[in-house]
Protein backbone atom coordinates (compact mmCIF):
# COMPACT_ATOMS: atom_id res chain seq x y z
CA MET A 1 7.46 -8.94 -35.62
CA ARG A 2 4.70 -8.51 -38.21
CA ILE A 3 1.08 -8.74 -36.97
CA ASP A 4 -1.87 -8.58 -38.98
CA ILE A 5 -5.14 -7.78 -37.21
CA VAL A 6 -8.49 -8.65 -38.90
CA GLY A 7 -12.13 -8.91 -37.91
CA LEU A 8 -15.44 -7.20 -38.45
CA PRO A 9 -15.76 -3.54 -37.85
CA ALA A 10 -16.09 -2.34 -34.50
CA SER A 11 -14.19 -5.38 -33.26
CA GLY A 12 -11.59 -3.09 -31.81
CA LYS A 13 -8.81 -3.68 -34.50
CA SER A 14 -7.62 -0.34 -34.63
CA THR A 15 -7.48 -0.01 -30.93
CA LEU A 16 -5.40 -3.08 -30.73
CA ALA A 17 -3.11 -2.18 -33.37
CA ALA A 18 -2.42 1.01 -31.86
CA ASN A 19 -1.54 -0.35 -28.43
CA ILE A 20 0.44 -3.23 -29.99
CA SER A 21 2.02 -0.32 -32.11
CA GLU A 22 2.88 1.78 -28.91
CA LYS A 23 3.98 -1.38 -26.76
CA LEU A 24 6.54 -2.70 -29.34
CA SER A 25 7.53 0.60 -30.80
CA ILE A 26 6.34 -0.59 -34.45
CA PRO A 27 4.99 1.32 -37.30
CA HIS A 28 1.26 1.13 -37.47
CA ILE A 29 -0.47 0.46 -40.80
CA HIS A 30 -4.05 1.53 -40.50
CA LEU A 31 -5.84 0.41 -44.00
CA ASP A 32 -8.86 2.67 -43.23
CA ARG A 33 -6.30 5.69 -42.94
CA PHE A 34 -5.13 4.75 -46.33
CA TRP A 35 -8.72 4.29 -47.54
CA PHE A 36 -9.57 7.91 -46.62
CA GLU A 37 -6.65 9.60 -47.46
CA ASN A 38 -7.13 8.28 -51.52
CA GLY A 39 -10.51 9.48 -51.51
CA GLY A 40 -12.45 6.52 -49.97
CA ARG A 41 -15.75 7.31 -48.33
CA GLN A 42 -17.90 5.62 -46.01
CA GLY A 43 -18.52 2.37 -47.95
CA LYS A 44 -17.62 1.18 -51.42
CA HIS A 45 -21.05 2.15 -52.53
CA ASP A 46 -20.25 5.73 -51.66
CA THR A 47 -16.95 5.86 -53.24
CA PRO A 48 -17.37 6.71 -57.18
CA ASN A 49 -13.55 6.03 -58.09
CA ILE A 50 -13.73 2.88 -56.24
CA ASP A 51 -11.35 0.99 -58.39
CA GLU A 52 -8.48 3.69 -58.17
CA VAL A 53 -9.03 3.93 -54.47
CA LYS A 54 -8.49 0.13 -53.93
CA ALA A 55 -5.21 0.19 -56.04
CA LYS A 56 -3.85 2.78 -53.95
CA VAL A 57 -4.73 1.51 -50.45
CA LYS A 58 -2.94 -2.09 -52.12
CA GLU A 59 0.02 -0.31 -53.40
CA ARG A 60 0.39 1.61 -49.94
CA ALA A 61 -0.16 -1.33 -48.01
CA ILE A 62 2.14 -2.98 -50.00
CA GLU A 63 4.81 -0.41 -49.39
CA ALA A 64 4.28 -0.29 -45.56
CA THR A 65 5.03 -4.21 -45.21
CA LYS A 66 8.53 -3.85 -46.51
CA GLU A 67 9.38 -2.55 -43.05
CA GLU A 68 10.91 -5.14 -40.74
CA SER A 69 8.21 -5.05 -38.09
CA TRP A 70 4.66 -3.71 -38.17
CA VAL A 71 1.19 -4.15 -37.20
CA SER A 72 -1.73 -3.77 -39.74
CA ASP A 73 -5.50 -3.48 -39.07
CA GLY A 74 -8.25 -3.49 -41.30
CA VAL A 75 -10.09 -5.84 -43.65
CA TYR A 76 -9.76 -4.99 -47.39
CA MET A 77 -9.66 -8.71 -48.57
CA ASN A 78 -7.53 -7.85 -51.79
CA VAL A 79 -5.13 -6.14 -49.25
CA GLN A 80 -5.05 -9.24 -47.08
CA GLU A 81 -4.12 -11.45 -49.57
CA GLU A 82 -0.91 -9.48 -49.74
CA ILE A 83 -0.41 -8.87 -46.23
CA ALA A 84 -1.01 -12.01 -44.59
CA PRO A 85 1.72 -14.01 -46.21
CA LEU A 86 4.27 -11.57 -44.69
CA ALA A 87 2.55 -11.68 -41.26
CA ASP A 88 4.26 -13.61 -38.42
CA VAL A 89 0.98 -13.74 -36.70
CA ILE A 90 -2.62 -12.91 -37.94
CA VAL A 91 -5.07 -12.01 -34.98
CA PHE A 92 -8.74 -12.61 -35.47
CA LEU A 93 -10.75 -10.31 -33.45
CA ASP A 94 -13.95 -12.72 -33.34
CA ILE A 95 -16.10 -10.42 -31.47
CA PRO A 96 -19.99 -10.97 -31.13
CA LEU A 97 -22.06 -8.66 -33.11
CA SER A 98 -24.03 -7.42 -29.77
CA VAL A 99 -20.47 -6.14 -28.38
CA ARG A 100 -19.58 -4.72 -31.66
CA LEU A 101 -22.60 -2.59 -31.73
CA LEU A 102 -22.21 -1.21 -28.23
CA ASN A 103 -18.32 -0.56 -29.19
CA HIS A 104 -19.69 1.25 -32.60
CA MET A 105 -21.97 3.34 -30.20
CA HIS A 106 -19.31 4.30 -27.79
CA ARG A 107 -17.22 5.57 -30.40
CA ALA A 108 -20.01 7.25 -32.30
CA PHE A 109 -21.00 9.21 -29.63
CA PHE A 110 -18.51 9.48 -26.55
CA GLN A 111 -15.09 9.39 -28.25
CA SER A 112 -13.39 11.86 -30.35
CA LYS A 113 -13.49 11.81 -33.83
CA ARG A 114 -12.09 8.24 -35.54
CA HIS A 115 -12.05 9.50 -38.72
CA ALA A 116 -12.29 13.31 -39.36
CA GLU A 117 -13.89 12.47 -42.71
CA LEU A 118 -17.23 11.13 -41.13
CA GLY A 119 -19.89 13.17 -39.61
CA LEU A 120 -22.36 11.95 -36.90
CA TRP A 121 -24.73 10.72 -39.79
CA GLU A 122 -22.35 8.51 -41.20
CA GLU A 123 -21.13 7.16 -37.80
CA ILE A 124 -24.94 6.41 -37.11
CA THR A 125 -25.82 4.73 -40.73
CA PHE A 126 -22.75 2.53 -40.10
CA PHE A 127 -24.56 0.66 -37.77
CA ARG A 128 -26.79 -0.94 -40.59
CA GLU A 129 -23.47 -1.42 -42.23
CA ILE A 130 -22.01 -3.22 -39.39
CA VAL A 131 -25.16 -5.63 -39.14
CA ARG A 132 -24.73 -6.13 -43.22
CA ARG A 133 -21.16 -7.27 -42.89
CA GLU A 134 -21.71 -9.54 -40.28
CA ARG A 135 -24.20 -11.19 -42.72
CA LYS A 136 -21.80 -10.53 -46.02
CA ASN A 137 -18.24 -10.72 -44.85
CA LYS A 138 -18.06 -13.10 -41.94
CA PRO A 139 -18.11 -16.16 -43.91
CA LYS A 140 -15.40 -14.96 -46.28
CA LEU A 141 -13.40 -13.92 -43.31
CA LEU A 142 -13.96 -17.40 -41.92
CA LYS A 143 -12.21 -18.61 -44.95
CA PHE A 144 -9.39 -16.31 -44.66
CA VAL A 145 -8.76 -17.35 -41.06
CA GLU A 146 -9.08 -21.07 -42.26
CA LYS A 147 -6.79 -20.46 -45.18
CA HIS A 148 -3.89 -19.06 -42.87
CA LYS A 149 -5.15 -21.01 -39.58
CA ASN A 150 -1.06 -22.05 -38.83
CA LYS A 151 -0.56 -18.43 -37.89
CA VAL A 152 -3.71 -17.40 -36.51
CA VAL A 153 -4.81 -16.42 -32.88
CA ILE A 154 -8.39 -15.89 -32.35
CA LEU A 155 -9.32 -13.57 -29.50
CA ARG A 156 -13.19 -13.50 -28.67
CA SER A 157 -13.38 -11.16 -25.82
CA ARG A 158 -11.86 -7.98 -24.29
CA ARG A 159 -10.25 -9.94 -21.68
CA GLU A 160 -8.69 -12.40 -24.41
CA VAL A 161 -7.59 -9.33 -26.11
CA GLN A 162 -5.94 -7.54 -23.14
CA GLU A 163 -4.17 -10.87 -22.30
CA TYR A 164 -2.85 -11.07 -25.55
CA LEU A 165 -1.53 -7.54 -25.39
CA GLU A 166 0.02 -8.20 -21.93
CA GLN A 167 1.91 -11.30 -22.92
CA LEU A 168 3.37 -9.55 -26.20
CA THR A 169 7.17 -8.32 -25.54
């Protein structure tokens, strides 16, 4: 099975992908990990060699998706255009902004480091980025979902995410 998980920041993409990876014993393609490992920083505006980093993330994602089964998470639209056609299903986590802000608060202040490259200040400033991406990226994400609607599953709550995970075999 090949599953592509998309959604806005703090929607639970990585958590769901890790759970699916464990449940189905398939590789987890964590695009944010590729980003940081190739020199990416908090945001594209903070990354001086942005084109080089994007190219490396795309290259690594394309290589990883050659496997028979996988679950990917992350929203890098230039990479998603490569991954989506290969996926059997695209899971869109359409979680409300208020819930995503609470999710980020929890992970920033109460969980162990999600990215070793980020300090507390970067996590705090990411709240603004979450709101900014709601306005800027959600329309692009909705177009992406519409383009691939024949294989999209939309989940809008933790309950729906849990039910989806439970039904996977």
